[in-house]
């Protein structure tokens, strides 16, 4: 059997949003369905001081994985998510995760 696992990092989804490209940190389904309740940007509050940060829908998905990874002590995915936030959303990282 042919091992193609070395290519997995290159297979992660790239999302185009506001004329920028974001290489997603996790191999997941980032598709979304638009309906009347769908919002492009979502306010997420810091869990300790309630300070708000505006995030696009796909960044909220990454934030959710970070929070879940912390609860399950999955430090590899936790670190991947934090590094992604530092790269693409440093201001929101400082509000929500620092």
Protein backbone atom coordinates (compact mmCIF):
# COMPACT_ATOMS: atom_id res chain seq x y z
CA UNK A 1 0.00 0.00 0.00
CA UNK A 2 1.27 3.46 -0.90
CA UNK A 3 1.82 5.79 2.08
CA UNK A 4 0.74 9.34 1.27
CA UNK A 5 0.54 10.58 4.86
CA UNK A 6 3.39 13.02 4.25
CA UNK A 7 0.99 14.98 2.02
CA UNK A 8 -1.68 15.52 4.69
CA UNK A 9 -0.48 18.99 5.68
CA UNK A 10 -0.87 20.12 2.09
CA UNK A 11 -4.42 18.78 1.88
CA UNK A 12 -5.90 21.08 4.50
CA UNK A 13 -8.63 23.33 3.23
CA UNK A 14 -7.91 26.89 2.17
CA UNK A 15 -10.71 29.36 2.80
CA UNK A 16 -10.93 32.60 0.87
CA UNK A 17 -12.49 35.39 2.89
CA UNK A 18 -12.29 39.17 2.42
CA UNK A 19 -9.65 38.86 -0.31
CA UNK A 20 -7.34 36.77 1.91
CA UNK A 21 -6.55 33.08 2.03
CA UNK A 22 -6.56 31.13 5.27
CA UNK A 23 -4.99 27.68 5.42
CA UNK A 24 -7.03 25.87 8.01
CA UNK A 25 -5.17 24.14 10.85
CA UNK A 26 -7.30 20.99 10.98
CA UNK A 27 -8.45 18.49 8.41
CA UNK A 28 -12.18 19.05 8.83
CA UNK A 29 -15.31 19.91 6.92
CA UNK A 30 -15.56 23.71 6.98
CA UNK A 31 -18.52 23.85 4.64
CA UNK A 32 -21.46 25.85 5.84
CA UNK A 33 -25.03 26.31 4.88
CA UNK A 34 -26.43 29.77 4.52
CA UNK A 35 -29.86 30.34 5.88
CA UNK A 36 -31.65 33.21 7.58
CA UNK A 37 -29.72 32.70 10.82
CA UNK A 38 -26.28 32.49 9.21
CA UNK A 39 -23.87 35.33 10.00
CA UNK A 40 -20.52 35.87 8.32
CA UNK A 41 -19.02 37.26 11.53
CA UNK A 42 -19.78 36.25 15.07
CA UNK A 43 -18.99 37.93 18.38
CA UNK A 44 -17.13 35.65 20.79
CA UNK A 45 -16.57 36.77 24.37
CA UNK A 46 -13.51 36.01 26.45
CA UNK A 47 -14.54 33.33 28.92
CA UNK A 48 -12.87 35.06 31.87
CA UNK A 49 -13.49 38.80 31.43
CA UNK A 50 -16.28 38.79 28.81
CA UNK A 51 -14.30 41.05 26.43
CA UNK A 52 -15.75 40.64 22.90
CA UNK A 53 -13.94 39.79 19.68
CA UNK A 54 -15.46 39.64 16.20
CA UNK A 55 -14.54 36.52 14.21
CA UNK A 56 -15.54 35.08 10.84
CA UNK A 57 -17.47 31.82 11.00
CA UNK A 58 -14.45 29.62 10.19
CA UNK A 59 -12.34 31.20 12.96
CA UNK A 60 -15.12 30.43 15.43
CA UNK A 61 -14.85 26.78 14.34
CA UNK A 62 -11.12 26.84 15.11
CA UNK A 63 -11.79 28.58 18.44
CA UNK A 64 -14.29 25.85 19.34
CA UNK A 65 -11.69 23.15 18.60
CA UNK A 66 -9.17 24.97 20.80
CA UNK A 67 -11.64 25.07 23.68
CA UNK A 68 -12.60 21.42 23.20
CA UNK A 69 -8.97 20.36 22.90
CA UNK A 70 -8.23 22.07 26.19
CA UNK A 71 -11.05 20.15 27.88
CA UNK A 72 -9.87 16.80 26.48
CA UNK A 73 -6.19 17.64 26.95
CA UNK A 74 -5.46 17.19 23.24
CA UNK A 75 -2.44 19.48 23.36
CA UNK A 76 -1.37 18.85 19.76
CA UNK A 77 -4.60 20.23 18.29
CA UNK A 78 -4.71 22.91 20.98
CA UNK A 79 -1.27 24.16 19.89
CA UNK A 80 -2.18 23.99 16.17
CA UNK A 81 -5.24 26.14 16.81
CA UNK A 82 -3.35 28.68 18.91
CA UNK A 83 -0.60 28.99 16.30
CA UNK A 84 -3.21 29.50 13.59
CA UNK A 85 -4.87 32.30 15.58
CA UNK A 86 -1.52 33.99 16.22
CA UNK A 87 -0.80 33.94 12.47
CA UNK A 88 -4.17 35.00 11.07
CA UNK A 89 -6.02 36.78 13.89
CA UNK A 90 -3.43 38.17 16.34
CA UNK A 91 -5.70 40.85 17.81
CA UNK A 92 -8.50 38.39 18.47
CA UNK A 93 -5.94 35.94 19.88
CA UNK A 94 -4.88 38.58 22.40
CA UNK A 95 -8.49 39.15 23.46
CA UNK A 96 -9.68 35.55 23.57
CA UNK A 97 -6.74 33.22 24.07
CA UNK A 98 -3.71 35.00 25.52
